[in-house]
Protein backbone atom coordinates (compact mmCIF):
# COMPACT_ATOMS: atom_id res chain seq x y z
CA MET A 1 113.81 126.49 67.82
CA PHE A 2 115.73 125.47 70.89
CA GLN A 3 115.19 123.96 74.31
CA SER A 4 116.11 125.99 77.36
CA PRO A 5 117.55 124.01 80.28
CA CYS A 6 117.59 126.91 82.72
CA ILE A 7 113.89 127.64 83.34
CA GLU A 8 111.78 125.83 85.92
CA VAL A 9 108.07 126.45 85.39
CA GLU A 10 105.32 125.97 87.94
CA SER A 11 102.28 123.90 87.02
CA PRO A 12 99.01 125.84 87.18
CA ASN A 13 96.57 124.91 89.92
CA LYS A 14 92.84 125.19 89.70
CA ASP A 15 92.61 128.70 91.11
CA GLY A 16 95.18 130.06 88.69
CA LEU A 17 97.53 131.47 91.32
CA HIS A 18 101.10 130.49 90.66
CA ASN A 19 103.49 133.11 91.96
CA VAL A 20 104.91 131.76 95.23
CA SER A 21 104.93 128.65 97.37
CA LEU A 22 103.19 128.68 100.75
CA GLY A 23 106.57 128.66 102.45
CA ASN A 24 107.70 131.69 100.50
CA LEU A 25 104.38 133.40 101.16
CA VAL A 26 104.80 133.02 104.91
CA ASN A 27 108.33 134.41 104.68
CA GLU A 28 107.14 137.34 102.56
CA GLU A 29 104.44 138.15 105.10
CA LYS A 30 107.03 138.08 107.88
CA GLN A 31 109.25 140.39 105.88
CA GLU A 32 106.33 142.75 105.34
CA ASP A 33 105.68 142.85 109.09
CA LEU A 34 109.35 143.67 109.71
CA SER A 35 109.20 146.50 107.18
CA LEU A 36 106.31 148.37 108.83
CA SER A 37 108.61 151.19 109.95
CA ASN A 38 109.67 151.83 106.36
CA GLU A 39 106.05 151.55 105.24
CA ALA A 40 105.08 154.22 107.77
CA LYS A 41 107.56 156.62 106.21
CA PHE A 42 106.26 155.77 102.77
CA GLU A 43 102.65 156.38 103.83
CA SER A 44 103.43 160.08 104.18
CA SER A 45 103.44 160.23 100.39
CA PRO A 46 100.23 160.33 98.30
CA VAL A 47 100.78 156.70 97.25
CA LYS A 48 98.07 154.43 98.66
CA GLN A 49 98.55 150.98 100.13
CA LEU A 50 98.56 148.07 97.72
CA PRO A 51 95.97 145.41 98.60
CA HIS A 52 97.65 142.13 99.49
CA GLU A 53 97.36 139.41 96.90
CA CYS A 54 96.20 135.96 97.89
CA TYR A 55 98.00 132.85 96.79
CA GLY A 56 97.07 129.21 96.86
CA PRO A 57 99.15 126.04 97.04
CA LYS A 58 100.75 124.77 93.89
CA LYS A 59 102.64 121.87 92.43
CA ARG A 60 105.79 122.10 90.40
CA ARG A 61 106.94 120.35 87.31
CA PHE A 62 109.86 120.78 84.95
CA GLU A 63 109.20 121.76 81.35
CA ASN A 64 111.44 121.93 78.34
CA ILE A 65 110.44 125.38 77.22
CA ILE A 66 110.32 125.77 73.45
CA ARG A 67 111.02 129.33 72.41
CA SER A 68 111.89 131.00 69.19
CA PRO A 69 115.60 131.79 68.83
CA PHE A 70 116.76 134.92 70.61
CA ILE A 71 118.15 137.60 68.32
CA GLU A 72 120.07 140.29 70.16
CA VAL A 73 119.36 143.79 68.90
CA LYS A 74 122.47 145.93 69.02
CA PRO A 75 122.00 149.68 69.46
CA SER A 76 122.72 151.53 66.26
CA LYS A 77 124.35 154.43 68.07
CA VAL A 78 125.37 155.61 71.50
CA VAL A 79 122.68 157.66 73.22
CA SER A 80 123.66 161.31 72.98
CA LEU A 81 123.84 163.89 75.75
CA ASP A 82 121.01 165.92 74.22
CA GLU A 83 118.78 162.87 73.81
CA LEU A 84 119.23 161.88 77.46
CA LYS A 85 118.68 165.45 78.63
CA ASN A 86 115.43 165.71 76.69
CA ARG A 87 113.97 162.45 77.95
CA LYS A 88 110.99 163.26 80.15
CA ASN A 89 109.40 160.97 82.70
CA ILE A 90 105.84 161.67 81.56
CA LEU A 91 103.20 159.46 83.17
CA ASP A 92 99.83 158.98 81.49
CA PRO A 93 96.64 158.54 83.59
CA THR A 94 96.95 154.75 83.55
CA MET A 95 100.49 154.92 84.88
CA VAL A 96 99.50 157.42 87.57
CA GLN A 97 96.71 155.12 88.71
CA MET A 98 98.96 152.06 88.78
CA LEU A 99 101.67 154.02 90.57
CA ARG A 100 99.40 154.06 93.61
CA GLN A 101 99.96 150.32 93.92
CA VAL A 102 103.76 150.40 93.84
CA ARG A 103 105.18 149.74 97.28
CA PRO A 104 108.74 149.88 98.67
CA TRP A 105 110.87 146.84 97.95
CA ILE A 106 110.63 143.92 100.36
CA GLU A 107 113.73 141.77 100.26
CA VAL A 108 113.06 138.00 100.32
CA LEU A 109 116.15 135.86 99.84
CA ASP A 110 114.82 132.31 100.14
CA ARG A 111 114.00 130.19 97.09
CA PRO A 112 111.61 127.28 96.57
CA TYR A 113 114.53 125.11 95.45
CA ALA A 114 118.26 125.71 95.68
CA ASN A 115 119.25 124.70 92.15
CA LEU A 116 122.10 126.83 90.85
CA ASP A 117 121.27 126.13 87.19
CA ARG A 118 117.55 126.98 87.33
CA ILE A 119 115.61 130.23 87.39
CA TYR A 120 112.09 129.63 88.68
CA VAL A 121 109.17 131.42 87.04
CA SER A 122 105.45 131.00 87.46
CA TYR A 123 103.33 129.25 84.85
CA GLU A 124 101.53 132.54 84.25
CA ILE A 125 104.77 134.43 83.61
CA ASP A 126 106.02 131.70 81.30
CA ARG A 127 102.83 131.85 79.21
CA PHE A 128 103.29 135.62 79.02
CA LEU A 129 106.85 135.23 77.76
CA ILE A 130 106.16 132.69 75.00
CA ARG A 131 102.88 134.00 73.66
CA ASP A 132 102.41 135.30 70.14
CA GLY A 133 101.67 138.94 69.40
CA TRP A 134 104.31 140.29 71.75
CA SER A 135 103.83 143.88 72.96
CA ASN A 136 106.27 146.21 74.66
CA CYS A 137 105.91 147.34 78.26
CA LYS A 138 106.51 150.26 80.56
CA PHE A 139 106.45 150.53 84.33
CA PRO A 140 104.37 153.09 86.23
CA TRP A 141 107.32 154.84 87.91
CA CYS A 142 109.38 155.21 84.72
CA GLY A 143 107.55 156.64 81.73
CA GLU A 144 110.68 157.38 79.70
CA ILE A 145 111.80 153.76 79.16
CA THR A 146 109.96 151.18 77.06
CA VAL A 147 111.13 147.56 77.26
CA ASP A 148 110.73 144.73 74.78
CA ARG A 149 111.18 140.99 74.96
CA THR A 150 114.94 141.44 75.36
CA PHE A 151 114.34 142.89 78.83
CA TRP A 152 112.55 139.74 80.01
CA ASP A 153 114.84 137.27 78.25
CA SER A 154 117.85 138.84 79.93
CA LEU A 155 116.22 138.53 83.34
CA ILE A 156 115.38 134.85 82.94
CA GLY A 157 118.66 133.82 81.32
CA LEU A 158 117.53 133.55 77.70
CA ASP A 159 119.78 136.32 76.44
CA ASP A 160 122.25 135.72 73.64
CA LYS A 161 124.82 133.90 75.81
CA ARG A 162 122.20 132.37 78.14
CA LYS A 163 123.90 134.05 81.10
CA GLY A 164 121.29 136.54 82.30
CA TRP A 165 123.30 139.69 81.53
CA LEU A 166 121.33 142.75 82.67
CA LEU A 167 121.02 145.71 80.31
CA ASP A 168 121.10 149.46 80.81
CA GLU A 169 117.30 149.42 80.99
CA HIS A 170 117.31 147.05 83.96
CA ILE A 171 119.62 149.28 85.96
CA ASP A 172 117.91 152.57 85.07
CA ILE A 173 114.41 151.23 85.76
CA TRP A 174 115.62 149.97 89.14
CA ILE A 175 117.21 153.36 89.90
CA ALA A 176 113.94 155.09 88.99
CA TYR A 177 112.14 152.72 91.37
CA MET A 178 114.67 153.48 94.13
CA TRP A 179 113.96 157.18 93.61
CA HIS A 180 110.20 156.59 93.74
CA THR A 181 110.44 154.73 97.07
CA ARG A 182 113.30 156.78 98.53
CA PRO A 183 112.76 157.59 102.24
CA ASP A 184 112.95 161.30 103.00
CA ASP A 185 115.69 160.82 105.61
CA ARG A 186 118.26 159.37 103.19
CA ASP A 187 121.32 161.34 102.06
CA TRP A 188 121.84 160.02 98.55
CA SER A 189 121.27 160.61 94.89
CA MET A 190 121.46 157.89 92.23
CA VAL A 191 122.34 158.62 88.63
CA SER A 192 121.62 156.80 85.38
CA CYS A 193 124.04 154.20 84.06
CA PHE A 194 124.63 156.66 81.19
CA PHE A 195 126.24 159.20 83.54
CA LEU A 196 129.68 157.59 83.61
CA PRO A 197 129.93 156.93 79.84
CA LEU A 198 129.08 160.58 79.23
CA LEU A 199 131.85 161.64 81.62
CA MET A 200 134.29 159.32 79.86
CA GLN A 201 133.32 160.90 76.52
CA GLY A 202 134.40 164.27 77.90
CA THR A 203 130.93 165.77 78.40
CA ILE A 204 129.34 167.18 81.56
CA PRO A 205 125.85 165.69 82.13
CA LEU A 206 124.84 168.46 84.49
CA PHE A 207 121.14 167.56 84.35
CA TYR A 208 121.81 164.57 86.63
CA ALA A 209 123.17 166.87 89.35
CA ASN A 210 121.02 170.03 89.32
CA LYS A 211 117.42 168.80 89.94
CA GLU A 212 116.65 168.80 86.23
CA LYS A 213 116.41 165.01 86.08
CA TYR A 214 115.84 163.99 89.69
CA PRO A 215 113.93 165.49 92.64
CA LEU A 216 117.15 166.36 94.51
CA GLY A 217 120.36 167.94 93.30
CA TRP A 218 123.83 167.05 94.50
CA ALA A 219 123.86 170.12 96.71
CA ASP A 220 121.02 168.49 98.69
CA VAL A 221 122.75 165.14 99.35
CA GLU A 222 126.01 163.71 100.65
CA ARG A 223 126.47 160.63 98.45
CA VAL A 224 125.95 159.83 94.77
CA PHE A 225 125.58 156.24 93.56
CA ILE A 226 127.13 155.75 90.11
CA PRO A 227 126.62 152.46 88.20
CA ILE A 228 129.68 151.25 86.29
CA ASN A 229 129.22 149.26 83.09
CA GLU A 230 132.34 147.86 81.50
CA PRO A 231 130.63 147.30 78.14
CA GLU A 232 129.31 143.75 77.72
CA THR A 233 131.73 142.58 80.42
CA HIS A 234 130.89 143.57 83.97
CA TRP A 235 128.67 145.74 86.20
CA SER A 236 129.86 147.31 89.45
CA LEU A 237 129.08 150.37 91.56
CA ALA A 238 130.84 153.55 92.67
CA VAL A 239 129.71 155.66 95.62
CA PHE A 240 130.89 159.28 95.46
CA HIS A 241 131.14 161.04 98.84
CA ILE A 242 130.76 164.68 97.89
CA ARG A 243 132.34 166.44 100.89
CA THR A 244 135.47 164.30 101.07
CA GLY A 245 135.87 163.68 97.34
CA ASN A 246 136.27 159.96 97.99
CA VAL A 247 134.95 157.46 95.44
CA THR A 248 134.39 153.99 96.89
CA PHE A 249 134.13 151.05 94.50
CA TYR A 250 131.91 148.03 95.19
CA ASP A 251 132.81 145.13 92.93
CA THR A 252 131.42 141.63 93.52
CA GLN A 253 134.16 140.12 91.32
CA GLY A 254 136.92 141.56 93.48
CA TYR A 255 139.63 144.09 92.68
CA THR A 256 142.95 144.38 90.90
CA GLN A 257 145.67 145.78 93.17
CA PRO A 258 147.05 148.06 91.91
CA GLU A 259 144.52 148.89 89.22
CA THR A 260 145.96 148.14 85.77
CA ARG A 261 142.89 147.38 83.64
CA PRO A 262 142.59 149.91 80.78
CA PHE A 263 138.86 150.57 81.12
CA TYR A 264 139.06 151.20 84.85
CA LEU A 265 142.10 153.43 84.51
CA ARG A 266 140.21 155.56 81.97
CA MET A 267 137.19 155.56 84.26
CA ARG A 268 139.23 156.80 87.22
CA GLU A 269 140.78 159.53 85.11
CA ALA A 270 137.32 160.69 83.99
CA LEU A 271 135.99 160.71 87.56
CA GLU A 272 139.06 162.53 88.86
CA THR A 273 138.85 165.31 86.29
CA ARG A 274 135.12 165.57 85.58
CA LEU A 275 133.46 165.21 88.98
CA PRO A 276 134.88 168.54 90.26
CA GLU A 277 133.63 170.16 87.05
CA VAL A 278 130.13 168.80 87.70
CA LEU A 279 130.25 170.09 91.29
CA LYS A 280 131.34 173.52 90.13
CA ALA A 281 128.73 173.75 87.36
CA ALA A 282 125.96 172.62 89.73
CA ASP A 283 127.06 175.20 92.34
CA VAL A 284 127.70 172.44 94.88
CA PHE A 285 131.01 173.85 96.12
CA GLU A 286 129.42 177.15 97.11
CA GLN A 287 126.23 175.70 98.56
CA LYS A 288 128.13 173.19 100.71
CA GLY A 289 130.95 175.56 101.65
CA ILE A 290 133.66 173.40 100.05
CA ASP A 291 136.92 175.00 98.91
CA PRO A 292 137.39 173.93 95.27
CA VAL A 293 141.08 174.87 95.31
CA CYS A 294 141.93 172.15 97.84
CA TYR A 295 139.40 169.63 96.55
CA THR A 296 140.68 166.34 95.15
CA ILE A 297 139.12 163.05 94.10
CA THR A 298 140.49 159.92 95.77
CA PHE A 299 139.67 156.25 95.31
CA ARG A 300 139.29 153.24 97.56
CA ASN A 301 137.88 149.73 97.28
CA ALA A 302 135.16 148.70 99.69
CA GLU A 303 135.95 145.77 101.95
CA ASP A 304 133.71 142.83 102.83
CA VAL A 305 131.78 143.04 99.56
CA PRO A 306 129.93 139.79 98.69
CA ARG A 307 131.53 137.71 95.95
CA GLN A 308 129.30 136.66 93.11
CA GLY A 309 129.31 133.09 91.85
CA GLY A 310 127.11 130.56 90.12
CA LEU A 311 126.37 129.99 86.45
CA PHE A 312 124.70 133.30 85.57
CA ASP A 313 126.18 136.76 85.00
CA ASP A 314 124.75 138.19 88.22
CA CYS A 315 126.86 141.36 88.37
CA GLY A 316 123.91 143.49 87.21
CA VAL A 317 121.66 141.87 89.81
CA TRP A 318 124.30 142.66 92.41
CA VAL A 319 124.27 146.32 91.40
CA CYS A 320 120.52 146.30 92.15
CA ILE A 321 121.19 144.63 95.51
CA LEU A 322 123.95 147.10 96.37
CA LEU A 323 121.80 150.09 95.44
CA PHE A 324 118.99 148.85 97.67
CA ARG A 325 121.15 147.80 100.61
CA LEU A 326 123.49 150.79 100.65
CA GLY A 327 120.66 153.20 99.87
CA ASN A 328 118.68 151.94 102.86
CA GLY A 329 121.56 151.64 105.32
CA ARG A 330 121.61 147.84 105.41
CA PRO A 331 124.75 145.70 105.80
CA LEU A 332 126.18 143.75 102.90
CA GLU A 333 125.96 140.42 104.70
CA PHE A 334 124.64 137.29 102.97
CA ASP A 335 124.78 133.68 104.12
CA ASN A 336 124.93 132.49 100.52
CA PRO A 337 125.60 135.24 97.95
CA THR A 338 124.95 132.99 94.96
CA GLN A 339 121.51 131.97 96.21
CA ALA A 340 120.78 135.56 97.23
CA ALA A 341 121.42 136.79 93.68
CA LEU A 342 119.20 134.07 92.19
CA ALA A 343 116.44 134.89 94.68
CA TYR A 344 116.70 138.57 93.73
CA ARG A 345 116.55 137.73 90.04
CA GLU A 346 113.42 135.59 90.51
CA ARG A 347 111.76 138.26 92.64
CA LEU A 348 112.61 140.96 90.10
CA ILE A 349 110.91 138.91 87.38
CA LYS A 350 107.79 138.58 89.50
CA PHE A 351 107.87 142.25 90.54
CA TYR A 352 108.20 143.61 87.02
CA TYR A 353 105.57 141.23 85.68
CA LYS A 354 103.15 142.40 88.35
CA HIS A 355 103.61 146.10 87.52
CA LYS A 356 104.03 145.98 83.73
CA ILE A 357 101.89 148.19 81.49
CA HIS A 358 101.44 147.12 77.87
CA VAL A 359 102.09 149.85 75.32
CA PRO A 360 101.61 149.92 71.52
């Protein structure tokens, strides 16, 4: 058994509502009012409005949380191309019903306290995390991924290194959510975090580009968002501009000029050689009227990207932030990037807890 110093737990009040402070609630309501234009676009879909939850005041206390030791489960093998291709996002009736309550993301960047070494969770969520008889979960917009305790421990900083390193599941579930709430007037596609490793293995994961996996193919969009996972080291993001062939990197740890890191050199080589092959196989060149003979892949580093900091490995959280901000045409401006990442992490915990579905 061990004591975790990084979790701040709310004390329950008599009405059992623990999720946000009154100050945060007011800010959330203001953010919801500001997002009415996006909500109006979303209302054109068959998804119905989620009733607003009510919250009461609360008091806070610090607890030394006693949890059983975390044992990281290493994957026994790399997920194969065929396995990924055959994964189907099948939603059962319960998931379809709960999907009606899933709304577009509302970004709230303030926190109840500004501690850099604390992740705040509600009393209710904490009881959920430490209970006996743990069961796995799914989320209503993503029937193909089942998460276990590792998913939650990584979010709240109880992973193996106590750094809050996000996993492939976190990124792919977020991408599936971005697809579910994608406004019709956007020009992008987002691909799984497995897309780039498959390219680097020399395969062509065409199903990510030809409407087999996602509602839109690359011929229907102008940009493709590609998560980059340097294994167990760092997350970043690439944005592929199809017509120009430019790949723009967004890295919250900064860049090496010129690029000399072995993983990133191999990644660039894979993108340079394989992306045109994907475009050709998906018939994008012909449908967009692009001459493949003169087509080349080029690279650049985005400027004015926020720099991550703090005590946690927030690069995966920043990929979620970048996907949301860039996907919705919002600037990458933050008064305090470290606090913004912690606020996102805490809101992600609350959001996923709210929409979880227990599975056998």
